[in-house]
């Protein structure tokens, strides 16, 4: 499918006798769901610019997978990860377990 800054990167696949190990790009700042919980606790809202960056990143990720003829089918805050908390343009889509090619 090719790399995209807004879709989690695949690194390797290793098979063993009883299991399969898949290596993905590391996104150290958790999910969008985690972020919303933290913001709710601290009562600190996101700025409009941050919200628009998040939405743009999600839409660019969707654009990439749709151009490659895939549909995610499970888009939710827990399937959107934050690679860099200081740069919301690095939001990435993850969990393609329900994705289908069309």
N, C-alpha and C. Protein backbone atom coordinates (compact mmCIF):
# COMPACT_ATOMS: atom_id res chain seq x y z
N UNK A 1 0.82 -1.19 0.00
CA UNK A 1 0.00 0.00 0.00
C UNK A 1 0.87 1.25 0.00
N UNK A 2 2.09 1.17 0.45
CA UNK A 2 2.95 2.35 0.48
C UNK A 2 2.85 3.11 1.78
N UNK A 3 3.86 3.89 2.08
CA UNK A 3 3.92 4.65 3.32
C UNK A 3 3.09 5.93 3.24
N UNK A 4 2.56 6.32 4.37
CA UNK A 4 1.86 7.59 4.51
C UNK A 4 2.16 8.12 5.90
N UNK A 5 2.34 9.44 6.05
CA UNK A 5 2.60 9.98 7.38
C UNK A 5 1.40 9.86 8.32
N UNK A 6 0.23 9.49 7.79
CA UNK A 6 -0.97 9.43 8.63
C UNK A 6 -1.58 8.03 8.72
N UNK A 7 -0.79 7.02 8.35
CA UNK A 7 -1.17 5.62 8.52
C UNK A 7 0.02 4.93 9.19
N UNK A 8 -0.26 4.12 10.21
CA UNK A 8 0.81 3.47 10.96
C UNK A 8 1.70 2.65 10.01
N UNK A 9 2.99 2.74 10.21
CA UNK A 9 3.94 2.06 9.33
C UNK A 9 4.17 0.61 9.72
N UNK A 10 4.15 -0.27 8.73
CA UNK A 10 4.44 -1.69 8.92
C UNK A 10 5.95 -1.86 8.84
N UNK A 11 6.53 -2.58 9.80
CA UNK A 11 7.99 -2.77 9.83
C UNK A 11 8.41 -4.19 9.48
N UNK A 12 7.80 -5.20 10.09
CA UNK A 12 8.20 -6.58 9.78
C UNK A 12 7.12 -7.57 10.23
N UNK A 13 7.24 -8.78 9.71
CA UNK A 13 6.37 -9.89 10.09
C UNK A 13 7.26 -11.10 10.29
N UNK A 14 7.16 -11.72 11.45
CA UNK A 14 8.00 -12.88 11.76
C UNK A 14 7.09 -14.00 12.26
N UNK A 15 7.19 -15.16 11.64
CA UNK A 15 6.35 -16.29 12.04
C UNK A 15 7.16 -17.28 12.87
N UNK A 16 6.51 -17.78 13.90
CA UNK A 16 7.06 -18.81 14.76
C UNK A 16 6.10 -20.00 14.74
N UNK A 17 6.46 -21.05 15.42
CA UNK A 17 5.63 -22.25 15.43
C UNK A 17 4.22 -21.97 15.95
N UNK A 18 4.11 -21.26 17.06
CA UNK A 18 2.81 -21.06 17.70
C UNK A 18 2.24 -19.65 17.61
N UNK A 19 2.96 -18.73 17.00
CA UNK A 19 2.45 -17.36 16.92
C UNK A 19 3.13 -16.58 15.81
N UNK A 20 2.56 -15.43 15.52
CA UNK A 20 3.09 -14.52 14.51
C UNK A 20 3.38 -13.20 15.19
N UNK A 21 4.52 -12.62 14.92
CA UNK A 21 4.91 -11.33 15.49
C UNK A 21 4.92 -10.29 14.37
N UNK A 22 4.15 -9.21 14.58
CA UNK A 22 4.09 -8.14 13.60
C UNK A 22 4.66 -6.87 14.23
N UNK A 23 5.62 -6.27 13.58
CA UNK A 23 6.23 -5.04 14.06
C UNK A 23 5.66 -3.84 13.33
N UNK A 24 5.21 -2.85 14.13
CA UNK A 24 4.65 -1.63 13.56
C UNK A 24 5.42 -0.43 14.07
N UNK A 25 5.26 0.67 13.40
CA UNK A 25 5.84 1.95 13.82
C UNK A 25 5.37 2.29 15.24
N UNK A 26 6.23 2.89 16.03
CA UNK A 26 5.92 3.23 17.41
C UNK A 26 5.31 4.62 17.48
N UNK A 27 4.15 4.73 18.12
CA UNK A 27 3.49 6.02 18.35
C UNK A 27 3.41 6.20 19.86
N UNK A 28 4.34 6.94 20.41
CA UNK A 28 4.55 6.96 21.86
C UNK A 28 3.55 7.75 22.69
N UNK A 29 2.64 8.48 22.07
CA UNK A 29 1.76 9.33 22.87
C UNK A 29 0.32 8.82 22.98
N UNK A 30 0.11 7.54 22.78
CA UNK A 30 -1.20 6.95 23.01
C UNK A 30 -2.21 7.23 21.92
N UNK A 31 -3.46 7.02 22.28
CA UNK A 31 -4.55 7.15 21.31
C UNK A 31 -5.29 8.47 21.48
N UNK A 32 -6.13 8.76 20.53
CA UNK A 32 -6.98 9.94 20.62
C UNK A 32 -7.96 9.80 21.79
N UNK A 33 -8.38 8.58 22.08
CA UNK A 33 -9.24 8.33 23.23
C UNK A 33 -8.52 8.69 24.53
N UNK A 34 -7.24 8.29 24.64
CA UNK A 34 -6.44 8.63 25.82
C UNK A 34 -6.35 10.15 25.99
N UNK A 35 -6.11 10.84 24.88
CA UNK A 35 -5.99 12.30 24.91
C UNK A 35 -7.29 12.95 25.40
N UNK A 36 -8.42 12.48 24.90
CA UNK A 36 -9.69 13.08 25.32
C UNK A 36 -9.95 12.85 26.81
N UNK A 37 -9.56 11.70 27.32
CA UNK A 37 -9.73 11.43 28.76
C UNK A 37 -8.86 12.36 29.60
N UNK A 38 -7.62 12.56 29.16
CA UNK A 38 -6.71 13.47 29.88
C UNK A 38 -7.24 14.90 29.84
N UNK A 39 -7.70 15.33 28.67
CA UNK A 39 -8.22 16.69 28.54
C UNK A 39 -9.47 16.89 29.38
N UNK A 40 -10.28 15.87 29.49
CA UNK A 40 -11.49 15.96 30.31
C UNK A 40 -11.14 16.09 31.79
N UNK A 41 -10.13 15.32 32.23
CA UNK A 41 -9.69 15.38 33.63
C UNK A 41 -9.09 16.73 33.98
N UNK A 42 -8.25 17.22 33.09
CA UNK A 42 -7.55 18.48 33.36
C UNK A 42 -8.38 19.71 33.00
N UNK A 43 -9.52 19.49 32.34
CA UNK A 43 -10.41 20.57 31.90
C UNK A 43 -9.69 21.58 31.00
N UNK A 44 -8.77 21.06 30.19
CA UNK A 44 -8.06 21.90 29.22
C UNK A 44 -8.53 21.53 27.82
N UNK A 45 -9.28 22.41 27.18
CA UNK A 45 -9.75 22.08 25.82
C UNK A 45 -8.63 22.25 24.79
N UNK A 46 -8.79 21.56 23.67
CA UNK A 46 -7.87 21.76 22.55
C UNK A 46 -8.21 23.08 21.87
N UNK A 47 -7.22 23.71 21.28
CA UNK A 47 -7.44 24.93 20.50
C UNK A 47 -8.04 24.53 19.15
N UNK A 48 -8.71 25.46 18.52
CA UNK A 48 -9.31 25.20 17.21
C UNK A 48 -8.27 24.71 16.20
N UNK A 49 -7.08 25.29 16.24
CA UNK A 49 -6.01 24.90 15.32
C UNK A 49 -5.60 23.45 15.53
N UNK A 50 -5.55 23.03 16.80
CA UNK A 50 -5.19 21.64 17.11
C UNK A 50 -6.26 20.68 16.60
N UNK A 51 -7.52 21.04 16.81
CA UNK A 51 -8.63 20.21 16.33
C UNK A 51 -8.60 20.09 14.82
N UNK A 52 -8.32 21.19 14.14
CA UNK A 52 -8.29 21.13 12.67
C UNK A 52 -7.10 20.31 12.18
N UNK A 53 -5.97 20.35 12.90
CA UNK A 53 -4.82 19.52 12.53
C UNK A 53 -5.16 18.04 12.69
N UNK A 54 -5.84 17.70 13.78
CA UNK A 54 -6.24 16.31 14.03
C UNK A 54 -7.17 15.83 12.92
N UNK A 55 -8.18 16.62 12.60
CA UNK A 55 -9.12 16.24 11.55
C UNK A 55 -8.42 16.11 10.20
N UNK A 56 -7.54 17.04 9.89
CA UNK A 56 -6.81 16.98 8.62
C UNK A 56 -5.98 15.71 8.54
N UNK A 57 -5.31 15.35 9.64
CA UNK A 57 -4.48 14.14 9.66
C UNK A 57 -5.33 12.89 9.45
N UNK A 58 -6.47 12.82 10.10
CA UNK A 58 -7.37 11.68 9.94
C UNK A 58 -7.84 11.59 8.49
N UNK A 59 -8.26 12.71 7.94
CA UNK A 59 -8.75 12.72 6.56
C UNK A 59 -7.65 12.38 5.55
N UNK A 60 -6.41 12.83 5.80
CA UNK A 60 -5.30 12.47 4.91
C UNK A 60 -5.00 10.98 4.99
N UNK A 61 -5.09 10.40 6.19
CA UNK A 61 -4.91 8.95 6.34
C UNK A 61 -5.99 8.19 5.58
N UNK A 62 -7.24 8.63 5.71
CA UNK A 62 -8.34 8.00 4.98
C UNK A 62 -8.16 8.15 3.47
N UNK A 63 -7.73 9.31 3.05
CA UNK A 63 -7.49 9.55 1.62
C UNK A 63 -6.46 8.55 1.08
N UNK A 64 -5.41 8.32 1.87
CA UNK A 64 -4.36 7.40 1.45
C UNK A 64 -4.90 5.97 1.31
N UNK A 65 -5.63 5.50 2.33
CA UNK A 65 -6.10 4.12 2.23
C UNK A 65 -7.19 3.97 1.17
N UNK A 66 -8.01 5.00 0.97
CA UNK A 66 -9.04 4.93 -0.07
C UNK A 66 -8.41 4.95 -1.47
N UNK A 67 -7.33 5.69 -1.64
CA UNK A 67 -6.63 5.69 -2.94
C UNK A 67 -6.06 4.30 -3.26
N UNK A 68 -5.80 3.53 -2.21
CA UNK A 68 -5.29 2.17 -2.38
C UNK A 68 -6.41 1.14 -2.32
N UNK A 69 -7.65 1.63 -2.46
CA UNK A 69 -8.84 0.78 -2.53
C UNK A 69 -9.12 -0.04 -1.28
N UNK A 70 -8.88 0.55 -0.11
CA UNK A 70 -9.22 -0.09 1.16
C UNK A 70 -10.22 0.79 1.91
N UNK A 71 -11.05 0.14 2.72
CA UNK A 71 -11.97 0.82 3.63
C UNK A 71 -11.63 0.36 5.03
N UNK A 72 -11.46 1.28 5.96
CA UNK A 72 -11.05 0.95 7.33
C UNK A 72 -12.12 0.17 8.09
N UNK A 73 -13.34 0.63 8.12
CA UNK A 73 -14.52 0.03 8.73
C UNK A 73 -14.52 -0.05 10.26
N UNK A 74 -13.53 0.53 10.93
CA UNK A 74 -13.53 0.53 12.39
C UNK A 74 -12.86 1.79 12.92
N UNK A 75 -13.20 2.92 12.33
CA UNK A 75 -12.58 4.18 12.71
C UNK A 75 -13.22 4.70 13.99
N UNK A 76 -12.41 4.85 15.02
CA UNK A 76 -12.86 5.35 16.33
C UNK A 76 -11.65 5.91 17.05
N UNK A 77 -11.84 6.70 18.12
CA UNK A 77 -10.71 7.34 18.81
C UNK A 77 -9.63 6.36 19.28
N UNK A 78 -9.99 5.14 19.63
CA UNK A 78 -8.97 4.19 20.09
C UNK A 78 -8.16 3.61 18.94
N UNK A 79 -8.57 3.85 17.69
CA UNK A 79 -7.82 3.39 16.51
C UNK A 79 -7.11 4.53 15.80
N UNK A 80 -6.92 5.62 16.53
CA UNK A 80 -6.18 6.77 16.02
C UNK A 80 -5.10 7.07 17.05
N UNK A 81 -3.83 6.99 16.64
CA UNK A 81 -2.73 7.18 17.59
C UNK A 81 -1.99 8.48 17.33
N UNK A 82 -1.31 8.94 18.37
CA UNK A 82 -0.59 10.20 18.33
C UNK A 82 0.90 9.91 18.39
N UNK A 83 1.60 10.18 17.32
CA UNK A 83 3.04 9.94 17.26
C UNK A 83 3.81 11.02 18.02
N UNK A 84 3.32 12.26 17.96
CA UNK A 84 4.01 13.38 18.61
C UNK A 84 2.95 14.34 19.16
N UNK A 85 2.87 14.44 20.47
CA UNK A 85 1.85 15.26 21.14
C UNK A 85 1.99 16.74 20.80
N UNK A 86 3.17 17.15 20.36
CA UNK A 86 3.39 18.56 20.02
C UNK A 86 3.11 18.85 18.55
N UNK A 87 2.81 17.80 17.78
CA UNK A 87 2.56 17.97 16.35
C UNK A 87 1.41 17.06 15.93
N UNK A 88 0.20 17.59 15.92
CA UNK A 88 -0.97 16.79 15.59
C UNK A 88 -1.07 16.45 14.10
N UNK A 89 -0.12 16.91 13.31
CA UNK A 89 -0.09 16.48 11.91
C UNK A 89 0.46 15.06 11.82
N UNK A 90 0.94 14.52 12.95
CA UNK A 90 1.48 13.16 12.99
C UNK A 90 0.51 12.18 13.64
N UNK A 91 -0.77 12.45 13.48
CA UNK A 91 -1.82 11.52 13.90
C UNK A 91 -1.86 10.39 12.89
N UNK A 92 -2.01 9.14 13.37
CA UNK A 92 -1.97 7.99 12.46
C UNK A 92 -3.14 7.05 12.69
N UNK A 93 -3.64 6.48 11.60
CA UNK A 93 -4.69 5.47 11.66
C UNK A 93 -4.06 4.11 11.93
N UNK A 94 -4.69 3.32 12.78
CA UNK A 94 -4.20 1.97 13.11
C UNK A 94 -5.36 0.98 13.09
N UNK A 95 -5.05 -0.28 13.30
CA UNK A 95 -5.99 -1.39 13.44
C UNK A 95 -6.83 -1.59 12.18
N UNK A 96 -6.23 -2.29 11.24
CA UNK A 96 -6.90 -2.58 9.98
C UNK A 96 -7.48 -3.99 9.94
N UNK A 97 -7.81 -4.51 11.12
CA UNK A 97 -8.35 -5.87 11.23
C UNK A 97 -9.68 -6.05 10.53
N UNK A 98 -10.49 -5.02 10.45
CA UNK A 98 -11.78 -5.11 9.76
C UNK A 98 -11.76 -4.48 8.38
N UNK A 99 -10.59 -4.00 7.96
CA UNK A 99 -10.49 -3.34 6.65
C UNK A 99 -10.73 -4.34 5.52
N UNK A 100 -11.28 -3.82 4.44
CA UNK A 100 -11.49 -4.64 3.25
C UNK A 100 -11.04 -3.88 2.01
N UNK A 101 -10.61 -4.66 1.03
CA UNK A 101 -10.26 -4.08 -0.26
C UNK A 101 -11.51 -4.06 -1.11
N UNK A 102 -11.73 -2.97 -1.84
CA UNK A 102 -12.92 -2.89 -2.69
C UNK A 102 -12.53 -2.68 -4.13
